[in-house]
N, C-alpha and C. Protein backbone atom coordinates (compact mmCIF):
# COMPACT_ATOMS: atom_id res chain seq x y z
N UNK A 1 -22.50 152.99 -35.70
CA UNK A 1 -21.68 153.27 -36.68
C UNK A 1 -21.33 154.21 -37.17
N UNK A 2 -20.25 154.66 -37.85
CA UNK A 2 -20.45 156.16 -38.29
C UNK A 2 -20.88 155.91 -39.63
N UNK A 3 -20.90 157.77 -40.39
CA UNK A 3 -20.71 157.56 -41.98
C UNK A 3 -20.09 157.06 -42.43
N UNK A 4 -18.29 156.86 -41.69
CA UNK A 4 -17.52 156.29 -42.79
C UNK A 4 -17.88 154.78 -43.01
N UNK A 5 -17.88 154.29 -41.96
CA UNK A 5 -18.57 152.71 -42.08
C UNK A 5 -19.55 152.47 -42.84
N UNK A 6 -20.52 153.38 -42.75
CA UNK A 6 -21.67 153.29 -44.09
C UNK A 6 -21.41 152.96 -45.34
N UNK A 7 -20.43 154.04 -45.59
CA UNK A 7 -19.85 154.00 -47.03
C UNK A 7 -19.41 153.35 -47.82
N UNK A 8 -17.97 152.84 -46.48
CA UNK A 8 -17.75 151.64 -46.92
C UNK A 8 -17.85 150.61 -46.81
N UNK A 9 -19.05 150.45 -46.33
CA UNK A 9 -20.00 149.05 -46.87
C UNK A 9 -21.02 149.17 -48.01
N UNK A 10 -21.46 150.47 -48.25
CA UNK A 10 -22.01 150.32 -49.32
C UNK A 10 -21.10 150.31 -50.63
N UNK A 11 -19.66 150.34 -50.39
CA UNK A 11 -19.19 150.51 -51.72
C UNK A 11 -18.74 148.88 -51.77
N UNK A 12 -18.66 148.04 -50.74
CA UNK A 12 -18.27 146.54 -50.57
C UNK A 12 -19.35 146.00 -51.31
N UNK A 13 -20.80 146.72 -50.96
CA UNK A 13 -22.17 145.88 -51.21
C UNK A 13 -22.74 146.21 -53.03
N UNK A 14 -22.20 147.03 -53.85
CA UNK A 14 -22.48 147.68 -54.97
C UNK A 14 -21.31 147.18 -55.87
N UNK A 15 -20.30 146.89 -55.54
CA UNK A 15 -19.21 146.49 -56.62
C UNK A 15 -18.88 145.20 -56.63
N UNK A 16 -19.88 144.35 -55.73
CA UNK A 16 -20.10 142.79 -56.11
C UNK A 16 -20.83 142.88 -57.76
N UNK A 17 -20.00 142.04 -58.42
CA UNK A 17 -20.47 141.38 -59.53
C UNK A 17 -21.96 140.58 -59.39
N UNK A 18 -23.06 140.58 -60.14
CA UNK A 18 -24.26 139.82 -59.87
C UNK A 18 -24.05 138.58 -60.96
N UNK A 19 -22.96 138.79 -61.99
CA UNK A 19 -23.01 137.61 -62.69
C UNK A 19 -23.50 137.21 -64.08
N UNK A 20 -23.77 136.22 -64.80
CA UNK A 20 -24.23 136.21 -65.91
C UNK A 20 -25.78 136.05 -65.56
N UNK A 21 -25.87 134.80 -64.26
CA UNK A 21 -27.35 134.25 -64.69
C UNK A 21 -28.35 135.24 -64.05
N UNK A 22 -27.80 136.12 -62.86
CA UNK A 22 -28.70 137.52 -62.76
C UNK A 22 -29.12 137.83 -64.28
N UNK A 23 -27.98 138.40 -64.97
CA UNK A 23 -28.32 139.38 -65.77
C UNK A 23 -29.69 138.61 -66.56
N UNK A 24 -29.16 137.18 -67.11
CA UNK A 24 -30.00 136.35 -67.99
C UNK A 24 -31.51 136.21 -67.26
N UNK A 25 -31.32 135.91 -66.37
CA UNK A 25 -32.70 136.21 -65.15
C UNK A 25 -33.49 137.46 -65.28
N UNK A 26 -32.96 138.43 -65.01
CA UNK A 26 -33.37 139.86 -65.19
C UNK A 26 -34.06 140.11 -66.56
N UNK A 27 -33.44 139.44 -67.64
CA UNK A 27 -33.64 139.72 -69.20
C UNK A 27 -34.69 139.10 -69.94
N UNK A 28 -34.89 137.79 -68.91
CA UNK A 28 -35.81 136.90 -69.20
C UNK A 28 -37.07 137.20 -68.75
N UNK A 29 -36.94 138.45 -67.14
CA UNK A 29 -38.52 138.38 -66.41
C UNK A 29 -38.96 139.88 -67.32
N UNK A 30 -37.61 140.47 -68.12
CA UNK A 30 -38.56 142.01 -68.37
C UNK A 30 -39.26 141.28 -69.84
N UNK A 31 -38.73 140.19 -70.86
CA UNK A 31 -39.24 139.96 -71.93
C UNK A 31 -40.53 139.38 -71.64
N UNK A 32 -40.80 138.57 -70.29
CA UNK A 32 -41.68 137.91 -69.93
C UNK A 32 -43.42 138.87 -69.34
N UNK A 33 -42.42 140.01 -68.93
CA UNK A 33 -43.86 141.33 -68.47
C UNK A 33 -43.64 142.22 -69.63
N UNK A 34 -42.87 142.23 -71.09
CA UNK A 34 -42.74 142.76 -72.27
C UNK A 34 -44.10 142.11 -73.18
N UNK A 35 -44.21 140.90 -72.96
CA UNK A 35 -45.26 140.05 -74.15
C UNK A 35 -46.54 139.91 -72.85
N UNK A 36 -46.61 140.27 -71.94
CA UNK A 36 -47.53 140.11 -71.23
C UNK A 36 -48.48 141.21 -71.38
N UNK A 37 -47.41 142.45 -71.21
CA UNK A 37 -48.66 143.73 -71.09
C UNK A 37 -49.16 143.99 -72.99
N UNK A 38 -48.40 143.52 -73.67
CA UNK A 38 -48.21 143.40 -75.29
C UNK A 38 -49.82 142.77 -75.26
N UNK A 39 -49.95 141.59 -74.47
CA UNK A 39 -51.20 140.58 -75.17
C UNK A 39 -52.41 141.45 -74.23
N UNK A 40 -52.16 142.30 -72.89
CA UNK A 40 -53.09 142.64 -72.05
C UNK A 40 -53.83 143.82 -73.12
N UNK A 41 -52.20 145.17 -73.97
CA UNK A 41 -52.62 145.77 -74.51
C UNK A 41 -53.82 145.97 -75.12
N UNK A 42 -53.45 144.45 -76.23
CA UNK A 42 -54.10 144.46 -77.24
C UNK A 42 -55.75 143.76 -77.00
N UNK A 43 -56.07 143.25 -76.00
CA UNK A 43 -57.24 142.69 -75.54
C UNK A 43 -58.03 144.06 -74.72
N UNK A 44 -57.22 145.31 -74.18
CA UNK A 44 -57.54 146.67 -74.11
C UNK A 44 -57.63 147.37 -75.08
N UNK A 45 -57.42 147.24 -76.01
CA UNK A 45 -57.22 148.46 -76.91
C UNK A 45 -56.65 149.73 -76.72
N UNK A 46 -55.44 149.12 -76.13
CA UNK A 46 -54.74 150.61 -75.45
C UNK A 46 -53.11 150.25 -76.35
N UNK A 47 -52.23 151.33 -76.15
CA UNK A 47 -50.71 151.01 -76.54
C UNK A 47 -49.84 150.48 -75.48
N UNK A 48 -49.31 149.59 -75.69
CA UNK A 48 -48.01 149.18 -74.81
C UNK A 48 -47.62 150.07 -73.95
N UNK A 49 -46.98 149.54 -72.52
CA UNK A 49 -46.30 150.50 -71.70
C UNK A 49 -44.67 150.52 -72.06
N UNK A 50 -44.47 151.85 -71.63
CA UNK A 50 -43.22 152.20 -71.64
C UNK A 50 -41.87 150.79 -70.78
N UNK A 51 -41.49 150.02 -71.68
CA UNK A 51 -41.02 148.93 -71.31
C UNK A 51 -40.31 149.45 -69.66
N UNK A 52 -39.83 150.67 -68.97
CA UNK A 52 -38.85 150.96 -68.17
C UNK A 52 -39.77 151.39 -66.89
N UNK A 53 -41.21 151.32 -67.10
CA UNK A 53 -42.20 151.18 -66.15
C UNK A 53 -42.91 149.81 -65.85
N UNK A 54 -42.60 148.53 -66.52
CA UNK A 54 -43.17 147.74 -66.30
C UNK A 54 -42.51 147.00 -65.30
N UNK A 55 -41.03 146.80 -64.89
CA UNK A 55 -40.23 145.84 -63.84
C UNK A 55 -39.95 147.42 -62.62
N UNK A 56 -40.79 147.35 -61.19
CA UNK A 56 -40.19 148.42 -60.47
C UNK A 56 -38.62 148.20 -60.00
N UNK A 57 -37.96 149.00 -60.26
CA UNK A 57 -36.68 148.66 -59.81
C UNK A 57 -36.20 149.92 -57.95
N UNK A 58 -36.04 149.37 -57.52
CA UNK A 58 -35.63 149.93 -56.03
C UNK A 58 -34.38 150.51 -56.08
N UNK A 59 -34.10 152.10 -56.11
CA UNK A 59 -32.95 152.63 -55.60
C UNK A 59 -31.87 151.94 -54.94
N UNK A 60 -30.29 151.69 -55.36
CA UNK A 60 -29.76 150.65 -54.39
C UNK A 60 -29.61 151.20 -53.16
N UNK A 61 -29.34 152.22 -52.96
CA UNK A 61 -28.94 153.61 -51.96
C UNK A 61 -30.37 152.75 -50.89
N UNK A 62 -31.49 153.05 -51.22
CA UNK A 62 -33.08 152.98 -50.58
C UNK A 62 -33.05 151.21 -50.25
N UNK A 63 -32.43 150.32 -50.78
CA UNK A 63 -32.50 149.13 -50.58
C UNK A 63 -31.74 148.68 -49.30
N UNK A 64 -30.51 149.61 -49.50
CA UNK A 64 -29.37 149.14 -48.36
C UNK A 64 -29.92 149.88 -47.12
N UNK A 65 -30.72 151.14 -47.23
CA UNK A 65 -31.06 152.19 -46.03
C UNK A 65 -32.20 150.88 -45.20
N UNK A 66 -33.16 150.18 -46.16
CA UNK A 66 -34.14 149.17 -45.36
C UNK A 66 -33.63 148.42 -44.94
N UNK A 67 -32.74 147.57 -45.33
CA UNK A 67 -31.86 146.76 -44.83
C UNK A 67 -31.30 146.98 -43.49
N UNK A 68 -30.39 147.89 -43.40
CA UNK A 68 -29.60 148.09 -42.16
C UNK A 68 -30.00 149.21 -41.48
N UNK A 69 -31.06 150.12 -41.70
CA UNK A 69 -31.61 150.99 -40.62
C UNK A 69 -30.71 151.77 -40.69
N UNK A 70 -31.46 153.06 -40.17
CA UNK A 70 -30.56 154.24 -39.99
C UNK A 70 -30.58 154.92 -38.43
N UNK A 71 -29.89 155.62 -37.97
CA UNK A 71 -30.13 156.17 -36.99
C UNK A 71 -30.31 157.92 -37.19
N UNK A 72 -30.94 158.22 -36.29
CA UNK A 72 -31.10 159.84 -36.76
C UNK A 72 -30.32 160.45 -35.41
N UNK A 73 -29.45 161.28 -35.87
CA UNK A 73 -28.28 161.74 -34.44
C UNK A 73 -29.05 162.88 -34.36
N UNK A 74 -30.06 163.32 -34.67
CA UNK A 74 -30.77 164.64 -34.70
C UNK A 74 -31.88 164.62 -33.74
N UNK A 75 -32.26 162.81 -33.74
CA UNK A 75 -33.35 162.59 -33.22
C UNK A 75 -33.57 163.07 -31.61
N UNK A 76 -32.56 163.09 -31.04
CA UNK A 76 -32.26 163.23 -29.71
C UNK A 76 -31.76 164.85 -29.58
N UNK A 77 -32.84 165.48 -29.05
CA UNK A 77 -32.90 167.03 -28.71
C UNK A 77 -32.31 167.17 -27.16
N UNK A 78 -30.94 168.07 -27.37
CA UNK A 78 -30.56 167.97 -25.90
C UNK A 78 -31.27 169.37 -25.37
N UNK A 79 -31.82 169.39 -23.92
CA UNK A 79 -31.92 170.27 -23.16
C UNK A 79 -31.24 170.61 -22.62
N UNK A 80 -31.52 172.36 -22.03
CA UNK A 80 -30.87 173.02 -21.27
C UNK A 80 -29.98 172.40 -19.97
N UNK A 81 -31.29 171.45 -19.54
CA UNK A 81 -30.54 171.28 -17.95
C UNK A 81 -29.73 169.93 -18.25
N UNK A 82 -29.64 169.61 -19.38
CA UNK A 82 -28.97 168.00 -19.46
C UNK A 82 -27.22 168.20 -18.84
N UNK A 83 -26.59 169.57 -19.16
CA UNK A 83 -25.01 169.56 -18.82
C UNK A 83 -25.51 170.30 -17.32
N UNK A 84 -26.55 170.29 -16.52
CA UNK A 84 -26.73 170.83 -15.09
C UNK A 84 -25.68 169.84 -14.35
N UNK A 85 -24.91 170.15 -12.78
CA UNK A 85 -24.54 168.95 -11.87
C UNK A 85 -25.53 168.60 -11.69
N UNK A 86 -25.60 167.73 -10.33
CA UNK A 86 -26.91 167.39 -9.48
C UNK A 86 -27.10 168.42 -8.13
N UNK A 87 -26.48 168.78 -8.04
CA UNK A 87 -26.30 170.37 -7.26
C UNK A 87 -26.98 171.55 -8.04
N UNK A 88 -26.62 172.25 -9.24
CA UNK A 88 -27.62 172.62 -10.10
C UNK A 88 -28.97 172.49 -10.06
N UNK A 89 -29.22 170.99 -10.15
CA UNK A 89 -30.61 170.63 -10.64
C UNK A 89 -31.01 171.13 -9.36
N UNK A 90 -30.36 170.46 -7.86
CA UNK A 90 -31.23 170.54 -6.91
C UNK A 90 -31.94 172.18 -6.71
N UNK A 91 -30.83 172.86 -6.96
CA UNK A 91 -31.17 174.13 -6.39
C UNK A 91 -32.17 174.90 -7.30
N UNK A 92 -31.84 174.20 -8.68
CA UNK A 92 -33.28 174.64 -9.53
C UNK A 92 -34.29 174.29 -9.11
N UNK A 93 -34.83 172.82 -8.91
CA UNK A 93 -36.08 172.09 -8.24
C UNK A 93 -36.10 173.09 -6.65
N UNK A 94 -35.70 173.11 -6.07
CA UNK A 94 -36.44 173.75 -4.80
C UNK A 94 -36.70 175.12 -5.04
N UNK A 95 -36.55 175.87 -6.42
CA UNK A 95 -37.09 176.76 -6.36
C UNK A 95 -38.25 176.86 -7.62
N UNK A 96 -38.36 175.54 -7.91
CA UNK A 96 -39.20 175.37 -8.99
C UNK A 96 -40.79 175.07 -8.51
N UNK A 97 -41.39 175.54 -9.14
CA UNK A 97 -43.44 175.28 -8.95
C UNK A 97 -43.02 173.45 -9.22
N UNK A 98 -43.85 172.93 -8.35
CA UNK A 98 -44.23 171.19 -8.20
C UNK A 98 -44.86 171.40 -9.50
N UNK A 99 -44.50 169.98 -10.16
CA UNK A 99 -45.21 169.37 -11.61
C UNK A 99 -46.82 168.77 -11.32
N UNK A 100 -46.85 168.12 -9.79
CA UNK A 100 -48.19 167.57 -9.42
C UNK A 100 -48.18 167.82 -8.12
N UNK A 101 -49.35 167.50 -7.48
CA UNK A 101 -49.62 167.36 -5.99
C UNK A 101 -50.83 166.61 -5.86
N UNK A 102 -50.58 165.75 -4.38
CA UNK A 102 -51.55 164.81 -4.01
C UNK A 102 -52.40 165.15 -2.91
N UNK A 103 -53.31 165.15 -2.42
CA UNK A 103 -54.21 165.91 -1.19
C UNK A 103 -54.39 164.39 -0.77
N UNK A 104 -54.38 164.18 0.46
CA UNK A 104 -54.50 163.03 1.64
C UNK A 104 -55.49 163.80 2.78
N UNK A 105 -55.67 164.50 2.39
CA UNK A 105 -56.81 164.80 3.61
C UNK A 105 -58.14 163.81 3.81
N UNK A 106 -58.21 163.28 4.84
CA UNK A 106 -59.58 162.64 5.41
C UNK A 106 -59.06 161.01 5.08
N UNK A 107 -57.63 161.22 4.24
CA UNK A 107 -57.64 159.48 4.58
C UNK A 107 -56.77 158.95 5.64
N UNK A 108 -57.14 157.51 6.01
CA UNK A 108 -56.06 156.84 7.08
C UNK A 108 -55.16 156.60 6.62
N UNK A 109 -53.84 155.64 7.71
CA UNK A 109 -53.11 155.52 6.94
C UNK A 109 -52.77 154.72 6.20
N UNK A 110 -53.76 153.99 6.09
CA UNK A 110 -53.46 152.78 4.67
C UNK A 110 -53.49 152.98 3.65
N UNK A 111 -54.96 154.01 3.50
CA UNK A 111 -55.71 154.43 2.17
C UNK A 111 -54.22 155.70 1.76
N UNK A 112 -53.93 156.36 2.76
CA UNK A 112 -52.94 157.47 2.24
C UNK A 112 -51.80 156.70 1.82
N UNK A 113 -51.23 155.96 2.21
CA UNK A 113 -49.88 154.95 1.54
C UNK A 113 -50.29 154.28 0.39
N UNK A 114 -51.61 153.70 -0.16
CA UNK A 114 -51.70 153.30 -1.13
C UNK A 114 -52.21 154.62 -2.21
N UNK A 115 -52.29 155.59 -1.77
CA UNK A 115 -52.89 156.47 -2.67
C UNK A 115 -51.37 157.18 -3.40
N UNK A 116 -50.33 157.39 -2.03
CA UNK A 116 -48.78 157.77 -2.22
C UNK A 116 -48.15 156.71 -3.42
N UNK A 117 -48.42 156.02 -3.40
CA UNK A 117 -47.62 154.20 -4.00
C UNK A 117 -48.55 154.48 -5.66
N UNK A 118 -49.67 154.87 -5.73
CA UNK A 118 -50.10 155.49 -7.10
C UNK A 118 -49.35 156.32 -7.66
N UNK A 119 -49.43 157.25 -6.63
CA UNK A 119 -49.01 158.99 -7.17
C UNK A 119 -47.56 158.75 -7.07
N UNK A 120 -46.78 158.49 -6.94
CA UNK A 120 -45.54 158.46 -7.26
C UNK A 120 -45.10 157.30 -8.34
N UNK A 121 -45.69 156.21 -8.49
CA UNK A 121 -45.91 155.68 -9.81
C UNK A 121 -45.89 156.52 -10.76
N UNK A 122 -46.83 156.75 -11.04
CA UNK A 122 -47.75 157.73 -12.06
C UNK A 122 -46.91 158.90 -12.20
N UNK A 123 -45.93 159.63 -11.64
CA UNK A 123 -45.36 160.83 -11.56
C UNK A 123 -44.36 160.51 -11.87
N UNK A 124 -43.42 159.29 -11.73
CA UNK A 124 -42.51 158.83 -12.36
C UNK A 124 -42.50 158.26 -13.92
N UNK A 125 -43.55 158.17 -13.75
CA UNK A 125 -43.64 157.42 -15.48
C UNK A 125 -43.81 158.69 -16.18
N UNK A 126 -44.60 159.86 -16.10
CA UNK A 126 -44.76 161.04 -16.51
C UNK A 126 -43.08 161.94 -16.39
N UNK A 127 -42.19 161.56 -16.00
CA UNK A 127 -40.91 162.30 -16.17
C UNK A 127 -40.83 163.55 -14.96
N UNK A 128 -41.95 163.59 -14.11
CA UNK A 128 -42.14 164.96 -13.20
C UNK A 128 -40.76 164.70 -12.21
N UNK A 129 -40.36 166.03 -12.20
CA UNK A 129 -39.28 166.46 -11.11
C UNK A 129 -39.64 166.90 -9.86
N UNK A 130 -40.54 167.58 -9.55
CA UNK A 130 -40.84 167.77 -8.02
C UNK A 130 -42.34 167.79 -8.47
N UNK A 131 -42.89 167.23 -6.87
CA UNK A 131 -44.29 167.16 -6.54
C UNK A 131 -44.43 167.48 -4.95
N UNK A 132 -45.66 168.03 -5.00
CA UNK A 132 -46.28 167.74 -3.28
C UNK A 132 -47.09 167.13 -3.04
N UNK A 133 -47.02 166.80 -1.60
CA UNK A 133 -47.96 165.99 -0.57
C UNK A 133 -48.45 166.85 0.50
N UNK A 134 -49.80 166.87 -0.01
CA UNK A 134 -50.89 167.75 0.79
C UNK A 134 -51.16 166.95 2.11
N UNK A 135 -50.74 166.86 3.20
CA UNK A 135 -51.27 165.50 4.16
C UNK A 135 -51.72 166.39 5.60
N UNK A 136 -51.54 168.07 5.69
CA UNK A 136 -52.44 168.66 6.30
C UNK A 136 -51.31 168.67 7.86
N UNK A 137 -52.00 169.63 8.94
CA UNK A 137 -50.79 169.91 10.43
C UNK A 137 -51.14 168.80 11.18
N UNK A 138 -52.10 168.24 11.00
CA UNK A 138 -52.57 167.13 12.48
C UNK A 138 -53.12 167.67 13.53
N UNK A 139 -53.87 169.13 13.02
CA UNK A 139 -54.64 169.76 14.60
C UNK A 139 -55.95 168.89 15.06
N UNK A 140 -56.66 168.05 13.85
CA UNK A 140 -57.64 166.97 14.37
C UNK A 140 -57.25 166.27 14.89
N UNK A 141 -55.66 164.90 14.94
CA UNK A 141 -55.94 164.51 15.28
C UNK A 141 -55.99 164.36 16.80
N UNK A 142 -55.83 163.27 17.58
CA UNK A 142 -56.11 162.84 18.58
C UNK A 142 -54.95 163.42 19.40
N UNK A 143 -53.62 162.82 19.05
CA UNK A 143 -52.44 162.81 19.96
C UNK A 143 -51.58 163.67 18.79
N UNK A 144 -50.62 162.44 18.21
CA UNK A 144 -49.37 162.97 17.08
C UNK A 144 -50.14 163.30 15.75
N UNK A 145 -49.94 164.15 14.73
CA UNK A 145 -49.93 163.96 13.63
C UNK A 145 -50.08 162.67 13.00
N UNK A 146 -51.10 161.73 12.24
CA UNK A 146 -50.68 160.69 11.63
C UNK A 146 -50.01 160.55 10.40
N UNK A 147 -50.50 161.80 9.42
CA UNK A 147 -50.20 161.84 8.13
C UNK A 147 -48.85 162.12 8.29
N UNK A 148 -48.14 162.95 8.75
CA UNK A 148 -47.53 164.02 8.42
C UNK A 148 -46.30 163.00 9.11
N UNK A 149 -46.19 162.09 9.85
CA UNK A 149 -45.46 161.18 10.27
C UNK A 149 -45.25 159.88 9.40
N UNK A 150 -46.28 159.60 9.04
CA UNK A 150 -46.56 158.64 7.81
C UNK A 150 -45.92 159.05 6.51
N UNK A 151 -45.92 160.51 6.31
CA UNK A 151 -45.78 160.46 4.67
C UNK A 151 -43.94 160.83 5.19
N UNK A 152 -43.40 161.23 6.36
CA UNK A 152 -41.89 161.11 6.16
C UNK A 152 -41.70 159.70 6.34
N UNK A 153 -42.20 158.55 6.90
CA UNK A 153 -41.77 157.12 6.86
C UNK A 153 -42.30 156.96 5.23
N UNK A 154 -42.89 156.96 4.26
CA UNK A 154 -43.02 156.45 3.00
C UNK A 154 -41.46 156.98 2.37
N UNK A 155 -41.55 158.47 2.43
CA UNK A 155 -40.55 159.02 1.74
C UNK A 155 -38.95 158.42 2.21
N UNK A 156 -38.86 158.03 3.26
CA UNK A 156 -37.61 157.29 3.50
C UNK A 156 -37.58 155.85 2.84
N UNK A 157 -38.58 155.55 2.55
CA UNK A 157 -38.55 153.72 1.84
C UNK A 157 -38.71 153.84 0.56
N UNK A 158 -39.21 155.15 -0.41
CA UNK A 158 -39.44 154.94 -1.58
C UNK A 158 -38.40 155.25 -2.19
N UNK A 159 -37.77 154.74 -3.10
CA UNK A 159 -36.59 154.55 -3.63
C UNK A 159 -36.86 155.87 -4.89
N UNK A 160 -37.81 156.46 -4.87
CA UNK A 160 -37.66 157.56 -6.32
C UNK A 160 -37.81 158.46 -5.64
N UNK A 161 -38.36 158.71 -4.34
CA UNK A 161 -38.27 159.75 -3.73
C UNK A 161 -36.69 160.43 -3.15
N UNK A 162 -36.36 161.63 -3.38
CA UNK A 162 -35.26 162.14 -3.20
C UNK A 162 -35.24 163.16 -1.84
N UNK A 163 -34.78 164.38 -2.36
CA UNK A 163 -35.35 165.77 -1.17
C UNK A 163 -36.12 166.10 -0.86
N UNK A 164 -36.29 166.45 0.10
CA UNK A 164 -37.89 166.67 0.52
C UNK A 164 -37.66 167.62 1.83
N UNK A 165 -39.01 168.58 1.80
CA UNK A 165 -38.99 169.35 2.94
C UNK A 165 -40.21 169.91 3.13
N UNK A 166 -40.92 170.92 4.13
CA UNK A 166 -42.07 171.29 4.08
C UNK A 166 -41.83 172.12 3.29
N UNK A 167 -43.30 172.84 2.61
CA UNK A 167 -43.53 173.51 1.60
C UNK A 167 -43.31 175.09 2.93
N UNK A 168 -43.36 176.09 1.73
CA UNK A 168 -43.23 177.37 2.33
C UNK A 168 -44.29 178.10 3.08
N UNK A 169 -44.67 179.03 3.93
CA UNK A 169 -45.85 178.75 4.80
C UNK A 169 -46.51 179.63 3.94
N UNK A 170 -46.69 180.33 2.73
CA UNK A 170 -47.43 180.86 1.72
C UNK A 170 -48.07 179.48 1.11
N UNK A 171 -47.67 178.37 1.22
CA UNK A 171 -47.45 177.51 0.04
C UNK A 171 -48.20 176.23 1.07
N UNK A 172 -48.71 176.49 2.63
CA UNK A 172 -49.02 175.17 3.06
C UNK A 172 -48.19 175.16 4.50
N UNK A 173 -46.77 175.63 4.54
CA UNK A 173 -46.02 175.18 5.22
C UNK A 173 -45.65 173.67 5.97
N UNK A 174 -46.12 173.58 7.56
CA UNK A 174 -45.48 172.24 7.57
C UNK A 174 -47.12 171.22 7.34
N UNK A 175 -48.03 171.96 6.54
CA UNK A 175 -49.36 170.86 6.34
C UNK A 175 -48.77 170.14 4.66
N UNK A 176 -47.78 170.59 4.26
CA UNK A 176 -47.11 169.94 2.78
C UNK A 176 -46.05 169.86 3.02
N UNK A 177 -45.49 168.60 2.04
CA UNK A 177 -44.16 168.43 1.48
C UNK A 177 -43.69 168.12 0.13
N UNK A 178 -42.93 169.45 -0.05
CA UNK A 178 -42.29 168.91 -1.50
C UNK A 178 -41.13 167.92 -1.68
N UNK A 179 -41.42 167.33 -2.64
CA UNK A 179 -40.36 166.02 -3.10
C UNK A 179 -39.94 166.02 -4.31
N UNK A 180 -38.32 166.10 -4.58
CA UNK A 180 -37.86 166.12 -5.68
C UNK A 180 -37.45 164.81 -5.61
N UNK A 181 -38.26 164.36 -7.19
CA UNK A 181 -37.75 162.63 -7.60
C UNK A 181 -36.70 162.53 -8.50
N UNK A 182 -36.34 161.35 -7.71
CA UNK A 182 -34.94 160.71 -8.42
C UNK A 182 -35.33 160.08 -10.08
């Protein structure tokens, strides 16, 4: 609904005639309020109140706004990243620092999977864009690195996991994986 529609509806609502019955009813209420206030004023030994303050009146525009509601067009603030393309977003996030990290050292496959489920759900809820999973290089595993392979499998199956790769050498190298969240 744009502002022109709001004004048109306002004009329609305020142009209506309330009729004689409504006017008579309002006058009767006002007279009753004046009589009641005069009786109370005599009992309390005070002067009667101003007749205009006895019956509260709402401004018609306030009534209309409460009934129909308003939408604040300025409530949504656009960010600098809102207009970037998907490629620009990926490029920016590849260089960005991660918003959160999880360390899987010392966990078995099942526990690590559960920890990743909870971690990803929490990160998506918080609106994070890039996370790091620290899984280790697997040098203490008997054969192949267990957690490194499990993390790759998890990322392939998780709908929130986007592009991923091993971290830079100074940030853990092949012992940690960064993930861009969808």
